Amino acid sequence: TSAWYAPGAAVSALVQAIACDQKKMFPCSALL
């Protein structure tokens, strides 16, 4: 089945960057 630890950690890092207004840079899927 699909992996879960790394995907879960990746999502949590994005959530934290937004919630804590960290202004961190990540590659994400964005509407261009």
Full PDB file with SEQRES, HELIX, SHEET, SSBOND, CRYST1, ORIGX, SCALE, CONECT and MASTER records, all heavy atoms in Angstrom:
SEQRES   1 A   32  THR SER ALA TRP TYR ALA PRO GLY ALA ALA VAL SER ALA          
SEQRES   2 A   32  LEU VAL GLN ALA ILE ALA CYS ASP GLN LYS LYS MET PHE          
SEQRES   3 A   32  PRO CYS SER ALA LEU LEU                                      
HELIX    1 AA1 TYR A    5  ALA A   19  1                                  15    
CRYST1    1.000    1.000    1.000  90.00  90.00  90.00 P 1           1          
ORIGX1      1.000000  0.000000  0.000000        0.00000                         
ORIGX2      0.000000  1.000000  0.000000        0.00000                         
ORIGX3      0.000000  0.000000  1.000000        0.00000                         
SCALE1      1.000000  0.000000  0.000000        0.00000                         
SCALE2      0.000000  1.000000  0.000000        0.00000                         
SCALE3      0.000000  0.000000  1.000000        0.00000                         
ATOM      1  N   THR A   1       0.873  -1.179   0.000  1.00  0.00           N  
ATOM      2  CA  THR A   1       0.000   0.000   0.000  1.00  0.00           C  
ATOM      3  C   THR A   1       0.910   1.229   0.000  1.00  0.00           C  
ATOM      4  O   THR A   1       2.131   1.105   0.066  1.00  0.00           O  
ATOM      5  CB  THR A   1      -0.930   0.012   1.223  1.00  0.00           C  
ATOM      6  OG1 THR A   1      -1.842   1.115   1.127  1.00  0.00           O  
ATOM      7  CG2 THR A   1      -0.138   0.153   2.522  1.00  0.00           C  
ATOM      8  N   SER A   2       0.304   2.417  -0.061  1.00  0.00           N  
ATOM      9  CA  SER A   2       1.099   3.639  -0.064  1.00  0.00           C  
ATOM     10  C   SER A   2       1.824   3.831   1.269  1.00  0.00           C  
ATOM     11  O   SER A   2       1.388   3.341   2.312  1.00  0.00           O  
ATOM     12  CB  SER A   2       0.198   4.848  -0.318  1.00  0.00           C  
ATOM     13  OG  SER A   2      -0.361   4.784  -1.608  1.00  0.00           O  
ATOM     14  N   ALA A   3       2.930   4.560   1.213  1.00  0.00           N  
ATOM     15  CA  ALA A   3       3.652   4.926   2.434  1.00  0.00           C  
ATOM     16  C   ALA A   3       2.806   5.875   3.273  1.00  0.00           C  
ATOM     17  O   ALA A   3       1.845   6.467   2.771  1.00  0.00           O  
ATOM     18  CB  ALA A   3       4.970   5.582   2.056  1.00  0.00           C  
ATOM     19  N   TRP A   4       3.164   6.042   4.536  1.00  0.00           N  
ATOM     20  CA  TRP A   4       2.379   6.951   5.380  1.00  0.00           C  
ATOM     21  C   TRP A   4       3.218   7.831   6.309  1.00  0.00           C  
ATOM     22  O   TRP A   4       2.869   8.975   6.533  1.00  0.00           O  
ATOM     23  CB  TRP A   4       1.328   6.185   6.188  1.00  0.00           C  
ATOM     24  CG  TRP A   4       1.842   5.100   7.070  1.00  0.00           C  
ATOM     25  CD1 TRP A   4       2.239   5.217   8.371  1.00  0.00           C  
ATOM     26  CD2 TRP A   4       2.010   3.722   6.730  1.00  0.00           C  
ATOM     27  NE1 TRP A   4       2.646   4.000   8.873  1.00  0.00           N  
ATOM     28  CE2 TRP A   4       2.515   3.048   7.887  1.00  0.00           C  
ATOM     29  CE3 TRP A   4       1.789   2.963   5.578  1.00  0.00           C  
ATOM     30  CZ2 TRP A   4       2.797   1.689   7.908  1.00  0.00           C  
ATOM     31  CZ3 TRP A   4       2.072   1.604   5.602  1.00  0.00           C  
ATOM     32  CH2 TRP A   4       2.566   0.983   6.746  1.00  0.00           C  
ATOM     33  N   TYR A   5       4.338   7.347   6.832  1.00  0.00           N  
ATOM     34  CA  TYR A   5       5.105   8.173   7.767  1.00  0.00           C  
ATOM     35  C   TYR A   5       5.625   9.445   7.088  1.00  0.00           C  
ATOM     36  O   TYR A   5       5.402  10.559   7.572  1.00  0.00           O  
ATOM     37  CB  TYR A   5       6.282   7.393   8.352  1.00  0.00           C  
ATOM     38  CG  TYR A   5       5.902   6.221   9.215  1.00  0.00           C  
ATOM     39  CD1 TYR A   5       6.387   4.945   8.934  1.00  0.00           C  
ATOM     40  CD2 TYR A   5       5.071   6.384  10.328  1.00  0.00           C  
ATOM     41  CE1 TYR A   5       6.048   3.854   9.735  1.00  0.00           C  
ATOM     42  CE2 TYR A   5       4.723   5.295  11.125  1.00  0.00           C  
ATOM     43  CZ  TYR A   5       5.225   4.032  10.818  1.00  0.00           C  
ATOM     44  OH  TYR A   5       4.885   2.969  11.606  1.00  0.00           O  
ATOM     45  N   ALA A   6       6.343   9.276   5.973  1.00  0.00           N  
ATOM     46  CA  ALA A   6       6.905  10.455   5.293  1.00  0.00           C  
ATOM     47  C   ALA A   6       5.825  11.366   4.717  1.00  0.00           C  
ATOM     48  O   ALA A   6       5.914  12.591   4.859  1.00  0.00           O  
ATOM     49  CB  ALA A   6       7.895  10.026   4.204  1.00  0.00           C  
ATOM     50  N   PRO A   7       4.775  10.818   4.062  1.00  0.00           N  
ATOM     51  CA  PRO A   7       3.695  11.718   3.615  1.00  0.00           C  
ATOM     52  C   PRO A   7       3.054  12.481   4.778  1.00  0.00           C  
ATOM     53  O   PRO A   7       2.800  13.678   4.673  1.00  0.00           O  
ATOM     54  CB  PRO A   7       2.688  10.771   2.957  1.00  0.00           C  
ATOM     55  CG  PRO A   7       3.504   9.611   2.501  1.00  0.00           C  
ATOM     56  CD  PRO A   7       4.574   9.442   3.558  1.00  0.00           C  
ATOM     57  N   GLY A   8       2.803  11.797   5.891  1.00  0.00           N  
ATOM     58  CA  GLY A   8       2.205  12.466   7.044  1.00  0.00           C  
ATOM     59  C   GLY A   8       3.094  13.561   7.595  1.00  0.00           C  
ATOM     60  O   GLY A   8       2.635  14.653   7.946  1.00  0.00           O  
ATOM     61  N   ALA A   9       4.402  13.288   7.649  1.00  0.00           N  
ATOM     62  CA  ALA A   9       5.348  14.293   8.139  1.00  0.00           C  
ATOM     63  C   ALA A   9       5.432  15.479   7.189  1.00  0.00           C  
ATOM     64  O   ALA A   9       5.527  16.638   7.623  1.00  0.00           O  
ATOM     65  CB  ALA A   9       6.727  13.659   8.316  1.00  0.00           C  
ATOM     66  N   ALA A  10       5.396  15.197   5.876  1.00  0.00           N  
ATOM     67  CA  ALA A  10       5.451  16.277   4.883  1.00  0.00           C  
ATOM     68  C   ALA A  10       4.246  17.201   5.014  1.00  0.00           C  
ATOM     69  O   ALA A  10       4.385  18.424   5.007  1.00  0.00           O  
ATOM     70  CB  ALA A  10       5.527  15.694   3.471  1.00  0.00           C  
ATOM     71  N   VAL A  11       3.069  16.616   5.165  1.00  0.00           N  
ATOM     72  CA  VAL A  11       1.862  17.445   5.319  1.00  0.00           C  
ATOM     73  C   VAL A  11       1.942  18.273   6.588  1.00  0.00           C  
ATOM     74  O   VAL A  11       1.624  19.458   6.601  1.00  0.00           O  
ATOM     75  CB  VAL A  11       0.577  16.584   5.368  1.00  0.00           C  
ATOM     76  CG1 VAL A  11      -0.655  17.477   5.435  1.00  0.00           C  
ATOM     77  CG2 VAL A  11       0.473  15.676   4.165  1.00  0.00           C  
ATOM     78  N   SER A  12       2.387  17.645   7.682  1.00  0.00           N  
ATOM     79  CA  SER A  12       2.438  18.374   8.952  1.00  0.00           C  
ATOM     80  C   SER A  12       3.407  19.549   8.871  1.00  0.00           C  
ATOM     81  O   SER A  12       3.184  20.588   9.499  1.00  0.00           O  
ATOM     82  CB  SER A  12       2.830  17.433  10.099  1.00  0.00           C  
ATOM     83  OG  SER A  12       4.202  17.088  10.061  1.00  0.00           O  
ATOM     84  N   ALA A  13       4.481  19.401   8.086  1.00  0.00           N  
ATOM     85  CA  ALA A  13       5.432  20.504   7.923  1.00  0.00           C  
ATOM     86  C   ALA A  13       4.784  21.678   7.191  1.00  0.00           C  
ATOM     87  O   ALA A  13       5.005  22.845   7.546  1.00  0.00           O  
ATOM     88  CB  ALA A  13       6.668  20.023   7.163  1.00  0.00           C  
ATOM     89  N   LEU A  14       3.965  21.376   6.176  1.00  0.00           N  
ATOM     90  CA  LEU A  14       3.253  22.442   5.463  1.00  0.00           C  
ATOM     91  C   LEU A  14       2.238  23.123   6.375  1.00  0.00           C  
ATOM     92  O   LEU A  14       2.130  24.353   6.392  1.00  0.00           O  
ATOM     93  CB  LEU A  14       2.527  21.878   4.230  1.00  0.00           C  
ATOM     94  CG  LEU A  14       3.349  21.157   3.160  1.00  0.00           C  
ATOM     95  CD1 LEU A  14       2.477  20.834   1.946  1.00  0.00           C  
ATOM     96  CD2 LEU A  14       4.561  21.964   2.740  1.00  0.00           C  
ATOM     97  N   VAL A  15       1.502  22.324   7.138  1.00  0.00           N  
ATOM     98  CA  VAL A  15       0.503  22.876   8.059  1.00  0.00           C  
ATOM     99  C   VAL A  15       1.173  23.792   9.076  1.00  0.00           C  
ATOM    100  O   VAL A  15       0.692  24.905   9.352  1.00  0.00           O  
ATOM    101  CB  VAL A  15      -0.267  21.742   8.776  1.00  0.00           C  
ATOM    102  CG1 VAL A  15      -1.165  22.315   9.879  1.00  0.00           C  
ATOM    103  CG2 VAL A  15      -1.109  20.949   7.781  1.00  0.00           C  
ATOM    104  N   GLN A  16       2.299  23.354   9.627  1.00  0.00           N  
ATOM    105  CA  GLN A  16       3.001  24.160  10.621  1.00  0.00           C  
ATOM    106  C   GLN A  16       3.519  25.469  10.024  1.00  0.00           C  
ATOM    107  O   GLN A  16       3.456  26.523  10.662  1.00  0.00           O  
ATOM    108  CB  GLN A  16       4.157  23.374  11.231  1.00  0.00           C  
ATOM    109  CG  GLN A  16       4.852  24.124  12.361  1.00  0.00           C  
ATOM    110  CD  GLN A  16       5.908  23.292  13.049  1.00  0.00           C  
ATOM    111  OE1 GLN A  16       6.399  22.311  12.492  1.00  0.00           O  
ATOM    112  NE2 GLN A  16       6.256  23.660  14.273  1.00  0.00           N  
ATOM    113  N   ALA A  17       4.041  25.395   8.794  1.00  0.00           N  
ATOM    114  CA  ALA A  17       4.558  26.605   8.139  1.00  0.00           C  
ATOM    115  C   ALA A  17       3.464  27.651   7.974  1.00  0.00           C  
ATOM    116  O   ALA A  17       3.701  28.853   8.127  1.00  0.00           O  
ATOM    117  CB  ALA A  17       5.158  26.252   6.786  1.00  0.00           C  
ATOM    118  N   ILE A  18       2.244  27.183   7.678  1.00  0.00           N  
ATOM    119  CA  ILE A  18       1.111  28.103   7.521  1.00  0.00           C  
ATOM    120  C   ILE A  18       0.622  28.591   8.886  1.00  0.00           C  
ATOM    121  O   ILE A  18       0.495  29.787   9.124  1.00  0.00           O  
ATOM    122  CB  ILE A  18      -0.038  27.411   6.754  1.00  0.00           C  
ATOM    123  CG1 ILE A  18       0.414  27.050   5.330  1.00  0.00           C  
ATOM    124  CG2 ILE A  18      -1.280  28.307   6.710  1.00  0.00           C  
ATOM    125  CD1 ILE A  18      -0.511  26.087   4.625  1.00  0.00           C  
ATOM    126  N   ALA A  19       0.387  27.642   9.779  1.00  0.00           N  
ATOM    127  CA  ALA A  19      -0.178  27.979  11.088  1.00  0.00           C  
ATOM    128  C   ALA A  19       0.720  28.924  11.875  1.00  0.00           C  
ATOM    129  O   ALA A  19       0.246  29.830  12.566  1.00  0.00           O  
ATOM    130  CB  ALA A  19      -0.416  26.704  11.888  1.00  0.00           C  
ATOM    131  N   CYS A  20       2.028  28.730  11.761  1.00  0.00           N  
ATOM    132  CA  CYS A  20       2.991  29.529  12.534  1.00  0.00           C  
ATOM    133  C   CYS A  20       3.585  30.666  11.713  1.00  0.00           C  
ATOM    134  O   CYS A  20       4.534  31.318  12.163  1.00  0.00           O  
ATOM    135  CB  CYS A  20       4.093  28.630  13.078  1.00  0.00           C  
ATOM    136  SG  CYS A  20       3.492  27.322  14.176  1.00  0.00           S  
ATOM    137  N   ASP A  21       3.027  30.889  10.516  1.00  0.00           N  
ATOM    138  CA  ASP A  21       3.464  31.993   9.648  1.00  0.00           C  
ATOM    139  C   ASP A  21       4.977  31.989   9.478  1.00  0.00           C  
ATOM    140  O   ASP A  21       5.643  33.016   9.614  1.00  0.00           O  
ATOM    141  CB  ASP A  21       2.988  33.330  10.236  1.00  0.00           C  
ATOM    142  CG  ASP A  21       3.027  34.461   9.203  1.00  0.00           C  
ATOM    143  OD1 ASP A  21       2.951  34.182   7.986  1.00  0.00           O  
ATOM    144  OD2 ASP A  21       3.118  35.635   9.613  1.00  0.00           O  
ATOM    145  N   GLN A  22       5.530  30.817   9.153  1.00  0.00           N  
ATOM    146  CA  GLN A  22       6.984  30.661   9.146  1.00  0.00           C  
ATOM    147  C   GLN A  22       7.663  31.251   7.909  1.00  0.00           C  
ATOM    148  O   GLN A  22       8.879  31.444   7.916  1.00  0.00           O  
ATOM    149  CB  GLN A  22       7.341  29.173   9.259  1.00  0.00           C  
ATOM    150  CG  GLN A  22       7.035  28.583  10.624  1.00  0.00           C  
ATOM    151  CD  GLN A  22       7.366  27.106  10.695  1.00  0.00           C  
ATOM    152  OE1 GLN A  22       7.305  26.382   9.698  1.00  0.00           O  
ATOM    153  NE2 GLN A  22       7.702  26.630  11.883  1.00  0.00           N  
ATOM    154  N   LYS A  23       6.899  31.467   6.843  1.00  0.00           N  
ATOM    155  CA  LYS A  23       7.486  31.964   5.581  1.00  0.00           C  
ATOM    156  C   LYS A  23       8.587  31.015   5.078  1.00  0.00           C  
ATOM    157  O   LYS A  23       9.599  31.448   4.535  1.00  0.00           O  
ATOM    158  CB  LYS A  23       8.057  33.375   5.766  1.00  0.00           C  
ATOM    159  CG  LYS A  23       7.049  34.412   6.283  1.00  0.00           C  
ATOM    160  CD  LYS A  23       5.976  34.737   5.257  1.00  0.00           C  
ATOM    161  CE  LYS A  23       5.202  36.006   5.605  1.00  0.00           C  
ATOM    162  NZ  LYS A  23       4.387  35.907   6.813  1.00  0.00           N  
ATOM    163  N   LYS A  24       8.351  29.715   5.239  1.00  0.00           N  
ATOM    164  CA  LYS A  24       9.306  28.720   4.773  1.00  0.00           C  
ATOM    165  C   LYS A  24       9.059  28.406   3.302  1.00  0.00           C  
ATOM    166  O   LYS A  24       7.934  28.527   2.814  1.00  0.00           O  
ATOM    167  CB  LYS A  24       9.196  27.433   5.593  1.00  0.00           C  
ATOM    168  CG  LYS A  24       9.692  27.583   7.021  1.00  0.00           C  
ATOM    169  CD  LYS A  24       9.745  26.257   7.746  1.00  0.00           C  
ATOM    170  CE  LYS A  24      10.923  25.419   7.323  1.00  0.00           C  
ATOM    171  NZ  LYS A  24      11.119  24.241   8.197  1.00  0.00           N  
ATOM    172  N   MET A  25      10.119  27.989   2.621  1.00  0.00           N  
ATOM    173  CA  MET A  25       9.987  27.636   1.213  1.00  0.00           C  
ATOM    174  C   MET A  25       9.898  26.119   1.044  1.00  0.00           C  
ATOM    175  O   MET A  25      10.748  25.389   1.553  1.00  0.00           O  
ATOM    176  CB  MET A  25      11.156  28.177   0.392  1.00  0.00           C  
ATOM    177  CG  MET A  25      11.010  27.920  -1.105  1.00  0.00           C  
ATOM    178  SD  MET A  25      12.143  28.890  -2.134  1.00  0.00           S  
ATOM    179  CE  MET A  25      13.701  28.084  -1.779  1.00  0.00           C  
ATOM    180  N   PHE A  26       8.853  25.709   0.363  1.00  0.00           N  
ATOM    181  CA  PHE A  26       8.661  24.305   0.013  1.00  0.00           C  
ATOM    182  C   PHE A  26       8.270  24.222  -1.458  1.00  0.00           C  
ATOM    183  O   PHE A  26       7.588  25.122  -1.969  1.00  0.00           O  
ATOM    184  CB  PHE A  26       7.499  23.686   0.811  1.00  0.00           C  
ATOM    185  CG  PHE A  26       7.743  23.487   2.266  1.00  0.00           C  
ATOM    186  CD1 PHE A  26       7.363  24.458   3.184  1.00  0.00           C  
ATOM    187  CD2 PHE A  26       8.312  22.313   2.741  1.00  0.00           C  
ATOM    188  CE1 PHE A  26       7.565  24.274   4.546  1.00  0.00           C  
ATOM    189  CE2 PHE A  26       8.512  22.114   4.101  1.00  0.00           C  
ATOM    190  CZ  PHE A  26       8.142  23.105   5.007  1.00  0.00           C  
ATOM    191  N   PRO A  27       8.632  23.155  -2.149  1.00  0.00           N  
ATOM    192  CA  PRO A  27       8.023  22.930  -3.458  1.00  0.00           C  
ATOM    193  C   PRO A  27       6.622  22.340  -3.257  1.00  0.00           C  
ATOM    194  O   PRO A  27       6.478  21.317  -2.578  1.00  0.00           O  
ATOM    195  CB  PRO A  27       8.967  21.919  -4.121  1.00  0.00           C  
ATOM    196  CG  PRO A  27       9.712  21.277  -3.017  1.00  0.00           C  
ATOM    197  CD  PRO A  27       9.666  22.162  -1.820  1.00  0.00           C  
ATOM    198  N   CYS A  28       5.622  23.022  -3.770  1.00  0.00           N  
ATOM    199  CA  CYS A  28       4.231  22.592  -3.637  1.00  0.00           C  
ATOM    200  C   CYS A  28       3.530  22.738  -4.974  1.00  0.00           C  
ATOM    201  O   CYS A  28       3.955  23.512  -5.827  1.00  0.00           O  
ATOM    202  CB  CYS A  28       3.489  23.448  -2.598  1.00  0.00           C  
ATOM    203  SG  CYS A  28       4.113  23.311  -0.924  1.00  0.00           S  
ATOM    204  N   SER A  29       2.433  22.019  -5.129  1.00  0.00           N  
ATOM    205  CA  SER A  29       1.639  22.162  -6.340  1.00  0.00           C  
ATOM    206  C   SER A  29       0.792  23.433  -6.219  1.00  0.00           C  
ATOM    207  O   SER A  29      -0.075  23.538  -5.354  1.00  0.00           O  
ATOM    208  CB  SER A  29       0.726  20.944  -6.537  1.00  0.00           C  
ATOM    209  OG  SER A  29       0.148  20.956  -7.819  1.00  0.00           O  
ATOM    210  N   ALA A  30       1.094  24.394  -7.081  1.00  0.00           N  
ATOM    211  CA  ALA A  30       0.403  25.690  -7.065  1.00  0.00           C  
ATOM    212  C   ALA A  30      -0.180  25.960  -8.436  1.00  0.00           C  
ATOM    213  O   ALA A  30       0.351  25.498  -9.460  1.00  0.00           O  
ATOM    214  CB  ALA A  30       1.386  26.802  -6.683  1.00  0.00           C  
ATOM    215  N   LEU A  31      -1.263  26.723  -8.471  1.00  0.00           N  
ATOM    216  CA  LEU A  31      -1.882  27.110  -9.740  1.00  0.00           C  
ATOM    217  C   LEU A  31      -1.025  28.192 -10.391  1.00  0.00           C  
ATOM    218  O   LEU A  31      -0.797  29.254  -9.813  1.00  0.00           O  
ATOM    219  CB  LEU A  31      -3.296  27.625  -9.506  1.00  0.00           C  
ATOM    220  CG  LEU A  31      -4.090  27.953 -10.773  1.00  0.00           C  
ATOM    221  CD1 LEU A  31      -4.376  26.697 -11.589  1.00  0.00           C  
ATOM    222  CD2 LEU A  31      -5.402  28.656 -10.417  1.00  0.00           C  
ATOM    223  N   LEU A  32      -0.536  27.905 -11.593  1.00  0.00           N  
ATOM    224  CA  LEU A  32       0.355  28.838 -12.279  1.00  0.00           C  
ATOM    225  C   LEU A  32      -0.395  29.669 -13.307  1.00  0.00           C  
ATOM    226  O   LEU A  32      -1.291  29.173 -13.994  1.00  0.00           O  
ATOM    227  CB  LEU A  32       1.496  28.074 -12.959  1.00  0.00           C  
ATOM    228  CG  LEU A  32       2.375  27.203 -12.054  1.00  0.00           C  
ATOM    229  CD1 LEU A  32       3.532  26.605 -12.851  1.00  0.00           C  
ATOM    230  CD2 LEU A  32       2.889  27.976 -10.855  1.00  0.00           C  
TER     231      LEU A  32                                                      
MASTER        0    0    0    1    0    0    0    6  230    1    0    3          
END                                                                             
